Amino acid sequence: PFVIALLIAPILMKYGHKRWVTVIVLTAMVGLAVAILQIEGV
């Protein structure tokens, strides 16, 4: 789901709402990092 959110971010960029796209990208990146850490057992 976090990868899907990151793939949607470039679509959102064409609407010019950079602040919201930044929130989506940062939240998705943090979620992806947490998911990987949990999968690895850290």
PDB file of all heavy atoms in Angstrom:
ATOM      1  N   PRO A   1       0.802  -1.233   0.000  1.00  0.00           N
ATOM      2  CA  PRO A   1       0.000   0.000   0.000  1.00  0.00           C
ATOM      3  C   PRO A   1       0.831   1.279   0.000  1.00  0.00           C
ATOM      4  O   PRO A   1       0.449   2.278  -0.621  1.00  0.00           O
ATOM      5  CB  PRO A   1      -0.828  -0.114   1.286  1.00  0.00           C
ATOM      6  CG  PRO A   1      -0.895  -1.566   1.565  1.00  0.00           C
ATOM      7  CD  PRO A   1       0.401  -2.126   1.089  1.00  0.00           C
ATOM      8  N   PHE A   2       1.999   1.244   0.647  1.00  0.00           N
ATOM      9  CA  PHE A   2       2.854   2.429   0.670  1.00  0.00           C
ATOM     10  C   PHE A   2       3.486   2.670  -0.698  1.00  0.00           C
ATOM     11  O   PHE A   2       3.657   3.814  -1.115  1.00  0.00           O
ATOM     12  CB  PHE A   2       3.922   2.284   1.749  1.00  0.00           C
ATOM     13  CG  PHE A   2       3.345   2.152   3.121  1.00  0.00           C
ATOM     14  CD1 PHE A   2       3.431   0.972   3.815  1.00  0.00           C
ATOM     15  CD2 PHE A   2       2.686   3.217   3.722  1.00  0.00           C
ATOM     16  CE1 PHE A   2       2.880   0.844   5.078  1.00  0.00           C
ATOM     17  CE2 PHE A   2       2.124   3.102   4.970  1.00  0.00           C
ATOM     18  CZ  PHE A   2       2.228   1.917   5.658  1.00  0.00           C
ATOM     19  N   VAL A   3       3.816   1.600  -1.405  1.00  0.00           N
ATOM     20  CA  VAL A   3       4.350   1.745  -2.761  1.00  0.00           C
ATOM     21  C   VAL A   3       3.276   2.317  -3.687  1.00  0.00           C
ATOM     22  O   VAL A   3       3.568   3.171  -4.526  1.00  0.00           O
ATOM     23  CB  VAL A   3       4.882   0.386  -3.277  1.00  0.00           C
ATOM     24  CG1 VAL A   3       5.265   0.468  -4.737  1.00  0.00           C
ATOM     25  CG2 VAL A   3       6.063  -0.068  -2.434  1.00  0.00           C
ATOM     26  N   ILE A   4       2.033   1.875  -3.509  1.00  0.00           N
ATOM     27  CA  ILE A   4       0.933   2.421  -4.317  1.00  0.00           C
ATOM     28  C   ILE A   4       0.793   3.923  -4.066  1.00  0.00           C
ATOM     29  O   ILE A   4       0.624   4.708  -5.005  1.00  0.00           O
ATOM     30  CB  ILE A   4      -0.378   1.676  -4.016  1.00  0.00           C
ATOM     31  CG1 ILE A   4      -0.291   0.247  -4.565  1.00  0.00           C
ATOM     32  CG2 ILE A   4      -1.574   2.406  -4.596  1.00  0.00           C
ATOM     33  CD1 ILE A   4      -1.413  -0.658  -4.119  1.00  0.00           C
ATOM     34  N   ALA A   5       0.869   4.328  -2.795  1.00  0.00           N
ATOM     35  CA  ALA A   5       0.780   5.757  -2.475  1.00  0.00           C
ATOM     36  C   ALA A   5       1.928   6.536  -3.110  1.00  0.00           C
ATOM     37  O   ALA A   5       1.734   7.657  -3.600  1.00  0.00           O
ATOM     38  CB  ALA A   5       0.770   5.953  -0.962  1.00  0.00           C
ATOM     39  N   LEU A   6       3.124   5.946  -3.124  1.00  0.00           N
ATOM     40  CA  LEU A   6       4.252   6.622  -3.763  1.00  0.00           C
ATOM     41  C   LEU A   6       4.078   6.704  -5.283  1.00  0.00           C
ATOM     42  O   LEU A   6       4.528   7.663  -5.910  1.00  0.00           O
ATOM     43  CB  LEU A   6       5.561   5.897  -3.426  1.00  0.00           C
ATOM     44  CG  LEU A   6       6.069   6.105  -2.004  1.00  0.00           C
ATOM     45  CD1 LEU A   6       7.261   5.204  -1.731  1.00  0.00           C
ATOM     46  CD2 LEU A   6       6.442   7.556  -1.778  1.00  0.00           C
ATOM     47  N   LEU A   7       3.428   5.717  -5.873  1.00  0.00           N
ATOM     48  CA  LEU A   7       3.188   5.762  -7.319  1.00  0.00           C
ATOM     49  C   LEU A   7       2.117   6.780  -7.688  1.00  0.00           C
ATOM     50  O   LEU A   7       2.110   7.297  -8.808  1.00  0.00           O
ATOM     51  CB  LEU A   7       2.785   4.371  -7.822  1.00  0.00           C
ATOM     52  CG  LEU A   7       3.887   3.313  -7.785  1.00  0.00           C
ATOM     53  CD1 LEU A   7       3.314   1.961  -8.179  1.00  0.00           C
ATOM     54  CD2 LEU A   7       5.032   3.702  -8.696  1.00  0.00           C
ATOM     55  N   ILE A   8       1.212   7.078  -6.775  1.00  0.00           N
ATOM     56  CA  ILE A   8       0.163   8.064  -7.031  1.00  0.00           C
ATOM     57  C   ILE A   8       0.708   9.495  -6.915  1.00  0.00           C
ATOM     58  O   ILE A   8       0.183  10.419  -7.535  1.00  0.00           O
ATOM     59  CB  ILE A   8      -1.020   7.841  -6.072  1.00  0.00           C
ATOM     60  CG1 ILE A   8      -1.729   6.536  -6.452  1.00  0.00           C
ATOM     61  CG2 ILE A   8      -2.009   8.990  -6.090  1.00  0.00           C
ATOM     62  CD1 ILE A   8      -2.815   6.130  -5.498  1.00  0.00           C
ATOM     63  N   ALA A   9       1.789   9.686  -6.162  1.00  0.00           N
ATOM     64  CA  ALA A   9       2.345  11.024  -5.929  1.00  0.00           C
ATOM     65  C   ALA A   9       2.663  11.787  -7.220  1.00  0.00           C
ATOM     66  O   ALA A   9       2.323  12.972  -7.324  1.00  0.00           O
ATOM     67  CB  ALA A   9       3.565  10.943  -5.034  1.00  0.00           C
ATOM     68  N   PRO A  10       3.291  11.173  -8.237  1.00  0.00           N
ATOM     69  CA  PRO A  10       3.540  11.933  -9.471  1.00  0.00           C
ATOM     70  C   PRO A  10       2.260  12.378 -10.181  1.00  0.00           C
ATOM     71  O   PRO A  10       2.227  13.436 -10.807  1.00  0.00           O
ATOM     72  CB  PRO A  10       4.321  10.963 -10.354  1.00  0.00           C
ATOM     73  CG  PRO A  10       4.908   9.982  -9.423  1.00  0.00           C
ATOM     74  CD  PRO A  10       3.967   9.883  -8.273  1.00  0.00           C
ATOM     75  N   ILE A  11       1.198  11.588 -10.055  1.00  0.00           N
ATOM     76  CA  ILE A  11      -0.086  11.988 -10.645  1.00  0.00           C
ATOM     77  C   ILE A  11      -0.601  13.239  -9.940  1.00  0.00           C
ATOM     78  O   ILE A  11      -1.136  14.150 -10.566  1.00  0.00           O
ATOM     79  CB  ILE A  11      -1.100  10.833 -10.544  1.00  0.00           C
ATOM     80  CG1 ILE A  11      -0.623   9.638 -11.377  1.00  0.00           C
ATOM     81  CG2 ILE A  11      -2.481  11.274 -11.000  1.00  0.00           C
ATOM     82  CD1 ILE A  11      -1.409   8.368 -11.150  1.00  0.00           C
ATOM     83  N   LEU A  12      -0.430  13.279  -8.618  1.00  0.00           N
ATOM     84  CA  LEU A  12      -0.888  14.427  -7.847  1.00  0.00           C
ATOM     85  C   LEU A  12      -0.063  15.681  -8.126  1.00  0.00           C
ATOM     86  O   LEU A  12      -0.559  16.797  -7.970  1.00  0.00           O
ATOM     87  CB  LEU A  12      -0.837  14.108  -6.348  1.00  0.00           C
ATOM     88  CG  LEU A  12      -1.823  13.057  -5.855  1.00  0.00           C
ATOM     89  CD1 LEU A  12      -1.539  12.716  -4.401  1.00  0.00           C
ATOM     90  CD2 LEU A  12      -3.240  13.547  -6.008  1.00  0.00           C
ATOM     91  N   MET A  13       1.184  15.524  -8.527  1.00  0.00           N
ATOM     92  CA  MET A  13       2.049  16.682  -8.793  1.00  0.00           C
ATOM     93  C   MET A  13       1.508  17.561  -9.915  1.00  0.00           C
ATOM     94  O   MET A  13       1.709  18.766  -9.913  1.00  0.00           O
ATOM     95  CB  MET A  13       3.468  16.233  -9.150  1.00  0.00           C
ATOM     96  CG  MET A  13       4.307  15.851  -7.955  1.00  0.00           C
ATOM     97  SD  MET A  13       4.538  17.181  -6.788  1.00  0.00           S
ATOM     98  CE  MET A  13       5.667  18.220  -7.676  1.00  0.00           C
ATOM     99  N   LYS A  14       0.810  16.973 -10.878  1.00  0.00           N
ATOM    100  CA  LYS A  14       0.323  17.782 -11.997  1.00  0.00           C
ATOM    101  C   LYS A  14      -0.794  18.733 -11.576  1.00  0.00           C
ATOM    102  O   LYS A  14      -1.108  19.659 -12.304  1.00  0.00           O
ATOM    103  CB  LYS A  14      -0.119  16.904 -13.153  1.00  0.00           C
ATOM    104  CG  LYS A  14      -1.389  16.153 -12.951  1.00  0.00           C
ATOM    105  CD  LYS A  14      -1.746  15.361 -14.196  1.00  0.00           C
ATOM    106  CE  LYS A  14      -3.069  14.656 -14.015  1.00  0.00           C
ATOM    107  NZ  LYS A  14      -3.450  13.897 -15.172  1.00  0.00           N
ATOM    108  N   TYR A  15      -1.377  18.526 -10.382  1.00  0.00           N
ATOM    109  CA  TYR A  15      -2.419  19.426  -9.893  1.00  0.00           C
ATOM    110  C   TYR A  15      -1.843  20.604  -9.106  1.00  0.00           C
ATOM    111  O   TYR A  15      -2.568  21.517  -8.759  1.00  0.00           O
ATOM    112  CB  TYR A  15      -3.426  18.660  -9.022  1.00  0.00           C
ATOM    113  CG  TYR A  15      -4.201  17.647  -9.806  1.00  0.00           C
ATOM    114  CD1 TYR A  15      -3.919  16.296  -9.680  1.00  0.00           C
ATOM    115  CD2 TYR A  15      -5.195  18.034 -10.693  1.00  0.00           C
ATOM    116  CE1 TYR A  15      -4.619  15.355 -10.406  1.00  0.00           C
ATOM    117  CE2 TYR A  15      -5.900  17.095 -11.428  1.00  0.00           C
ATOM    118  CZ  TYR A  15      -5.606  15.761 -11.280  1.00  0.00           C
ATOM    119  OH  TYR A  15      -6.296  14.831 -12.008  1.00  0.00           O
ATOM    120  N   GLY A  16      -0.537  20.586  -8.829  1.00  0.00           N
ATOM    121  CA  GLY A  16       0.122  21.726  -8.211  1.00  0.00           C
ATOM    122  C   GLY A  16      -0.019  21.849  -6.699  1.00  0.00           C
ATOM    123  O   GLY A  16       0.333  22.877  -6.142  1.00  0.00           O
ATOM    124  N   HIS A  17      -0.496  20.842  -6.031  1.00  0.00           N
ATOM    125  CA  HIS A  17      -0.630  20.881  -4.570  1.00  0.00           C
ATOM    126  C   HIS A  17       0.607  20.253  -3.950  1.00  0.00           C
ATOM    127  O   HIS A  17       0.562  19.135  -3.424  1.00  0.00           O
ATOM    128  CB  HIS A  17      -1.887  20.124  -4.129  1.00  0.00           C
ATOM    129  CG  HIS A  17      -3.147  20.719  -4.654  1.00  0.00           C
ATOM    130  ND1 HIS A  17      -3.763  21.767  -4.033  1.00  0.00           N
ATOM    131  CD2 HIS A  17      -3.898  20.423  -5.739  1.00  0.00           C
ATOM    132  CE1 HIS A  17      -4.856  22.084  -4.700  1.00  0.00           C
ATOM    133  NE2 HIS A  17      -4.955  21.281  -5.757  1.00  0.00           N
ATOM    134  N   LYS A  18       1.709  20.978  -3.958  1.00  0.00           N
ATOM    135  CA  LYS A  18       2.988  20.405  -3.537  1.00  0.00           C
ATOM    136  C   LYS A  18       3.028  20.064  -2.052  1.00  0.00           C
ATOM    137  O   LYS A  18       3.656  19.093  -1.649  1.00  0.00           O
ATOM    138  CB  LYS A  18       4.115  21.359  -3.894  1.00  0.00           C
ATOM    139  CG  LYS A  18       4.309  21.458  -5.375  1.00  0.00           C
ATOM    140  CD  LYS A  18       5.477  22.324  -5.737  1.00  0.00           C
ATOM    141  CE  LYS A  18       5.640  22.246  -7.233  1.00  0.00           C
ATOM    142  NZ  LYS A  18       5.812  23.450  -7.900  1.00  0.00           N
ATOM    143  N   ARG A  19       2.357  20.834  -1.223  1.00  0.00           N
ATOM    144  CA  ARG A  19       2.365  20.557   0.221  1.00  0.00           C
ATOM    145  C   ARG A  19       1.698  19.211   0.506  1.00  0.00           C
ATOM    146  O   ARG A  19       2.208  18.415   1.281  1.00  0.00           O
ATOM    147  CB  ARG A  19       1.653  21.666   0.975  1.00  0.00           C
ATOM    148  CG  ARG A  19       1.670  21.427   2.474  1.00  0.00           C
ATOM    149  CD  ARG A  19       1.029  22.547   3.235  1.00  0.00           C
ATOM    150  NE  ARG A  19       1.704  23.798   2.932  1.00  0.00           N
ATOM    151  CZ  ARG A  19       1.173  24.993   3.082  1.00  0.00           C
ATOM    152  NH1 ARG A  19      -0.041  25.112   3.542  1.00  0.00           N
ATOM    153  NH2 ARG A  19       1.851  26.077   2.799  1.00  0.00           N
ATOM    154  N   TRP A  20       0.559  18.941  -0.133  1.00  0.00           N
ATOM    155  CA  TRP A  20      -0.146  17.681   0.105  1.00  0.00           C
ATOM    156  C   TRP A  20       0.626  16.504  -0.467  1.00  0.00           C
ATOM    157  O   TRP A  20       0.641  15.427   0.122  1.00  0.00           O
ATOM    158  CB  TRP A  20      -1.551  17.736  -0.490  1.00  0.00           C
ATOM    159  CG  TRP A  20      -2.417  18.698   0.240  1.00  0.00           C
ATOM    160  CD1 TRP A  20      -2.876  19.896  -0.228  1.00  0.00           C
ATOM    161  CD2 TRP A  20      -2.903  18.591   1.577  1.00  0.00           C
ATOM    162  NE1 TRP A  20      -3.618  20.528   0.732  1.00  0.00           N
ATOM    163  CE2 TRP A  20      -3.657  19.743   1.851  1.00  0.00           C
ATOM    164  CE3 TRP A  20      -2.781  17.628   2.569  1.00  0.00           C
ATOM    165  CZ2 TRP A  20      -4.277  19.958   3.076  1.00  0.00           C
ATOM    166  CZ3 TRP A  20      -3.399  17.837   3.780  1.00  0.00           C
ATOM    167  CH2 TRP A  20      -4.137  18.986   4.026  1.00  0.00           C
ATOM    168  N   VAL A  21       1.268  16.712  -1.588  1.00  0.00           N
ATOM    169  CA  VAL A  21       2.075  15.645  -2.179  1.00  0.00           C
ATOM    170  C   VAL A  21       3.260  15.337  -1.271  1.00  0.00           C
ATOM    171  O   VAL A  21       3.617  14.171  -1.074  1.00  0.00           O
ATOM    172  CB  VAL A  21       2.545  16.029  -3.599  1.00  0.00           C
ATOM    173  CG1 VAL A  21       3.503  15.008  -4.154  1.00  0.00           C
ATOM    174  CG2 VAL A  21       1.347  16.191  -4.516  1.00  0.00           C
ATOM    175  N   THR A  22       3.845  16.364  -0.680  1.00  0.00           N
ATOM    176  CA  THR A  22       4.950  16.151   0.259  1.00  0.00           C
ATOM    177  C   THR A  22       4.494  15.349   1.463  1.00  0.00           C
ATOM    178  O   THR A  22       5.196  14.435   1.907  1.00  0.00           O
ATOM    179  CB  THR A  22       5.527  17.516   0.713  1.00  0.00           C
ATOM    180  OG1 THR A  22       5.927  18.255  -0.433  1.00  0.00           O
ATOM    181  CG2 THR A  22       6.706  17.321   1.635  1.00  0.00           C
ATOM    182  N   VAL A  23       3.311  15.649   1.978  1.00  0.00           N
ATOM    183  CA  VAL A  23       2.767  14.889   3.114  1.00  0.00           C
ATOM    184  C   VAL A  23       2.560  13.434   2.724  1.00  0.00           C
ATOM    185  O   VAL A  23       2.932  12.522   3.473  1.00  0.00           O
ATOM    186  CB  VAL A  23       1.438  15.530   3.598  1.00  0.00           C
ATOM    187  CG1 VAL A  23       0.715  14.617   4.570  1.00  0.00           C
ATOM    188  CG2 VAL A  23       1.696  16.886   4.213  1.00  0.00           C
ATOM    189  N   ILE A  24       1.982  13.192   1.544  1.00  0.00           N
ATOM    190  CA  ILE A  24       1.757  11.816   1.076  1.00  0.00           C
ATOM    191  C   ILE A  24       3.080  11.075   0.940  1.00  0.00           C
ATOM    192  O   ILE A  24       3.225   9.943   1.408  1.00  0.00           O
ATOM    193  CB  ILE A  24       1.014  11.822  -0.280  1.00  0.00           C
ATOM    194  CG1 ILE A  24      -0.400  12.314  -0.114  1.00  0.00           C
ATOM    195  CG2 ILE A  24       1.057  10.462  -0.941  1.00  0.00           C
ATOM    196  CD1 ILE A  24      -1.396  11.282   0.324  1.00  0.00           C
ATOM    197  N   VAL A  25       4.059  11.699   0.294  1.00  0.00           N
ATOM    198  CA  VAL A  25       5.338  11.033   0.049  1.00  0.00           C
ATOM    199  C   VAL A  25       6.056  10.747   1.362  1.00  0.00           C
ATOM    200  O   VAL A  25       6.563   9.631   1.569  1.00  0.00           O
ATOM    201  CB  VAL A  25       6.213  11.878  -0.905  1.00  0.00           C
ATOM    202  CG1 VAL A  25       7.637  11.358  -0.951  1.00  0.00           C
ATOM    203  CG2 VAL A  25       5.607  11.891  -2.290  1.00  0.00           C
ATOM    204  N   LEU A  26       6.129  11.717   2.258  1.00  0.00           N
ATOM    205  CA  LEU A  26       6.819  11.491   3.526  1.00  0.00           C
ATOM    206  C   LEU A  26       6.127  10.428   4.371  1.00  0.00           C
ATOM    207  O   LEU A  26       6.792   9.562   4.957  1.00  0.00           O
ATOM    208  CB  LEU A  26       6.938  12.794   4.308  1.00  0.00           C
ATOM    209  CG  LEU A  26       7.896  13.828   3.723  1.00  0.00           C
ATOM    210  CD1 LEU A  26       7.866  15.111   4.550  1.00  0.00           C
ATOM    211  CD2 LEU A  26       9.303  13.273   3.656  1.00  0.00           C
ATOM    212  N   THR A  27       4.803  10.460   4.419  1.00  0.00           N
ATOM    213  CA  THR A  27       4.076   9.452   5.183  1.00  0.00           C
ATOM    214  C   THR A  27       4.268   8.064   4.580  1.00  0.00           C
ATOM    215  O   THR A  27       4.469   7.089   5.308  1.00  0.00           O
ATOM    216  CB  THR A  27       2.570   9.795   5.220  1.00  0.00           C
ATOM    217  OG1 THR A  27       2.416  11.130   5.695  1.00  0.00           O
ATOM    218  CG2 THR A  27       1.816   8.854   6.118  1.00  0.00           C
ATOM    219  N   ALA A  28       4.229   7.969   3.264  1.00  0.00           N
ATOM    220  CA  ALA A  28       4.423   6.675   2.608  1.00  0.00           C
ATOM    221  C   ALA A  28       5.844   6.155   2.819  1.00  0.00           C
ATOM    222  O   ALA A  28       6.043   4.954   3.029  1.00  0.00           O
ATOM    223  CB  ALA A  28       4.115   6.789   1.124  1.00  0.00           C
ATOM    224  N   MET A  29       6.833   7.039   2.800  1.00  0.00           N
ATOM    225  CA  MET A  29       8.213   6.608   3.008  1.00  0.00           C
ATOM    226  C   MET A  29       8.440   6.122   4.441  1.00  0.00           C
ATOM    227  O   MET A  29       9.108   5.111   4.656  1.00  0.00           O
ATOM    228  CB  MET A  29       9.176   7.736   2.645  1.00  0.00           C
ATOM    229  CG  MET A  29       9.252   7.974   1.160  1.00  0.00           C
ATOM    230  SD  MET A  29      10.263   9.386   0.690  1.00  0.00           S
ATOM    231  CE  MET A  29      11.832   8.971   1.374  1.00  0.00           C
ATOM    232  N   VAL A  30       7.866   6.822   5.407  1.00  0.00           N
ATOM    233  CA  VAL A  30       7.988   6.385   6.801  1.00  0.00           C
ATOM    234  C   VAL A  30       7.270   5.046   6.983  1.00  0.00           C
ATOM    235  O   VAL A  30       7.798   4.130   7.628  1.00  0.00           O
ATOM    236  CB  VAL A  30       7.431   7.459   7.762  1.00  0.00           C
ATOM    237  CG1 VAL A  30       7.279   6.917   9.163  1.00  0.00           C
ATOM    238  CG2 VAL A  30       8.338   8.679   7.758  1.00  0.00           C
ATOM    239  N   GLY A  31       6.086   4.909   6.411  1.00  0.00           N
ATOM    240  CA  GLY A  31       5.358   3.651   6.500  1.00  0.00           C
ATOM    241  C   GLY A  31       6.105   2.507   5.852  1.00  0.00           C
ATOM    242  O   GLY A  31       6.143   1.389   6.380  1.00  0.00           O
ATOM    243  N   LEU A  32       6.713   2.771   4.718  1.00  0.00           N
ATOM    244  CA  LEU A  32       7.496   1.745   4.033  1.00  0.00           C
ATOM    245  C   LEU A  32       8.702   1.333   4.872  1.00  0.00           C
ATOM    246  O   LEU A  32       9.008   0.142   4.989  1.00  0.00           O
ATOM    247  CB  LEU A  32       7.936   2.266   2.664  1.00  0.00           C
ATOM    248  CG  LEU A  32       8.581   1.286   1.702  1.00  0.00           C
ATOM    249  CD1 LEU A  32       7.624   0.142   1.412  1.00  0.00           C
ATOM    250  CD2 LEU A  32       8.953   1.988   0.413  1.00  0.00           C
ATOM    251  N   ALA A  33       9.353   2.294   5.494  1.00  0.00           N
ATOM    252  CA  ALA A  33      10.495   1.984   6.349  1.00  0.00           C
ATOM    253  C   ALA A  33      10.063   1.143   7.554  1.00  0.00           C
ATOM    254  O   ALA A  33      10.733   0.160   7.909  1.00  0.00           O
ATOM    255  CB  ALA A  33      11.169   3.274   6.812  1.00  0.00           C
ATOM    256  N   VAL A  34       8.944   1.506   8.177  1.00  0.00           N
ATOM    257  CA  VAL A  34       8.447   0.739   9.328  1.00  0.00           C
ATOM    258  C   VAL A  34       8.060  -0.670   8.898  1.00  0.00           C
ATOM    259  O   VAL A  34       8.351  -1.648   9.600  1.00  0.00           O
ATOM    260  CB  VAL A  34       7.259   1.474   9.985  1.00  0.00           C
ATOM    261  CG1 VAL A  34       6.560   0.592  10.997  1.00  0.00           C
ATOM    262  CG2 VAL A  34       7.725   2.755  10.641  1.00  0.00           C
ATOM    263  N   ALA A  35       7.415  -0.796   7.735  1.00  0.00           N
ATOM    264  CA  ALA A  35       7.032  -2.124   7.242  1.00  0.00           C
ATOM    265  C   ALA A  35       8.254  -2.996   7.007  1.00  0.00           C
ATOM    266  O   ALA A  35       8.275  -4.173   7.398  1.00  0.00           O
ATOM    267  CB  ALA A  35       6.222  -1.993   5.957  1.00  0.00           C
ATOM    268  N   ILE A  36       9.287  -2.444   6.404  1.00  0.00           N
ATOM    269  CA  ILE A  36      10.506  -3.216   6.140  1.00  0.00           C
ATOM    270  C   ILE A  36      11.182  -3.611   7.446  1.00  0.00           C
ATOM    271  O   ILE A  36      11.634  -4.749   7.598  1.00  0.00           O
ATOM    272  CB  ILE A  36      11.449  -2.425   5.220  1.00  0.00           C
ATOM    273  CG1 ILE A  36      10.839  -2.342   3.817  1.00  0.00           C
ATOM    274  CG2 ILE A  36      12.831  -3.056   5.176  1.00  0.00           C
ATOM    275  CD1 ILE A  36      11.554  -1.419   2.883  1.00  0.00           C
ATOM    276  N   LEU A  37      11.233  -2.690   8.405  1.00  0.00           N
ATOM    277  CA  LEU A  37      11.839  -3.021   9.695  1.00  0.00           C
ATOM    278  C   LEU A  37      11.053  -4.115  10.411  1.00  0.00           C
ATOM    279  O   LEU A  37      11.640  -4.990  11.056  1.00  0.00           O
ATOM    280  CB  LEU A  37      11.938  -1.778  10.576  1.00  0.00           C
ATOM    281  CG  LEU A  37      12.973  -0.749  10.153  1.00  0.00           C
ATOM    282  CD1 LEU A  37      12.871   0.497  11.024  1.00  0.00           C
ATOM    283  CD2 LEU A  37      14.373  -1.335  10.227  1.00  0.00           C
ATOM    284  N   GLN A  38       9.742  -4.096  10.300  1.00  0.00           N
ATOM    285  CA  GLN A  38       8.952  -5.144  10.946  1.00  0.00           C
ATOM    286  C   GLN A  38       9.122  -6.479  10.226  1.00  0.00           C
ATOM    287  O   GLN A  38       9.233  -7.521  10.867  1.00  0.00           O
ATOM    288  CB  GLN A  38       7.474  -4.775  10.993  1.00  0.00           C
ATOM    289  CG  GLN A  38       6.649  -5.876  11.639  1.00  0.00           C
ATOM    290  CD  GLN A  38       5.319  -5.415  12.119  1.00  0.00           C
ATOM    291  OE1 GLN A  38       5.187  -4.296  12.575  1.00  0.00           O
ATOM    292  NE2 GLN A  38       4.326  -6.275  12.029  1.00  0.00           N
ATOM    293  N   ILE A  39       9.156  -6.463   8.914  1.00  0.00           N
ATOM    294  CA  ILE A  39       9.348  -7.701   8.156  1.00  0.00           C
ATOM    295  C   ILE A  39      10.698  -8.324   8.485  1.00  0.00           C
ATOM    296  O   ILE A  39      10.815  -9.543   8.639  1.00  0.00           O
ATOM    297  CB  ILE A  39       9.207  -7.434   6.644  1.00  0.00           C
ATOM    298  CG1 ILE A  39       7.753  -7.100   6.315  1.00  0.00           C
ATOM    299  CG2 ILE A  39       9.676  -8.620   5.824  1.00  0.00           C
ATOM    300  CD1 ILE A  39       7.542  -6.555   4.925  1.00  0.00           C
ATOM    301  N   GLU A  40      11.719  -7.495   8.629  1.00  0.00           N
ATOM    302  CA  GLU A  40      13.057  -7.989   8.948  1.00  0.00           C
ATOM    303  C   GLU A  40      13.203  -8.395  10.408  1.00  0.00           C
ATOM    304  O   GLU A  40      14.208  -8.983  10.792  1.00  0.00           O
ATOM    305  CB  GLU A  40      14.112  -6.933   8.595  1.00  0.00           C
ATOM    306  CG  GLU A  40      14.219  -6.649   7.117  1.00  0.00           C
ATOM    307  CD  GLU A  40      14.672  -7.864   6.322  1.00  0.00           C
ATOM    308  OE1 GLU A  40      15.503  -8.642   6.837  1.00  0.00           O
ATOM    309  OE2 GLU A  40      14.179  -8.038   5.206  1.00  0.00           O
ATOM    310  N   GLY A  41      12.216  -8.058  11.237  1.00  0.00           N
ATOM    311  CA  GLY A  41      12.256  -8.459  12.640  1.00  0.00           C
ATOM    312  C   GLY A  41      12.987  -7.500  13.554  1.00  0.00           C
ATOM    313  O   GLY A  41      13.257  -7.823  14.706  1.00  0.00           O
ATOM    314  N   VAL A  42      13.314  -6.316  13.061  1.00  0.00           N
ATOM    315  CA  VAL A  42      14.026  -5.339  13.877  1.00  0.00           C
ATOM    316  C   VAL A  42      13.093  -4.738  14.926  1.00  0.00           C
ATOM    317  O   VAL A  42      13.484  -4.528  16.068  1.00  0.00           O
ATOM    318  CB  VAL A  42      14.632  -4.222  12.983  1.00  0.00           C
ATOM    319  CG1 VAL A  42      15.299  -3.150  13.817  1.00  0.00           C
ATOM    320  CG2 VAL A  42      15.603  -4.822  11.988  1.00  0.00           C
TER     321      VAL A  42
END
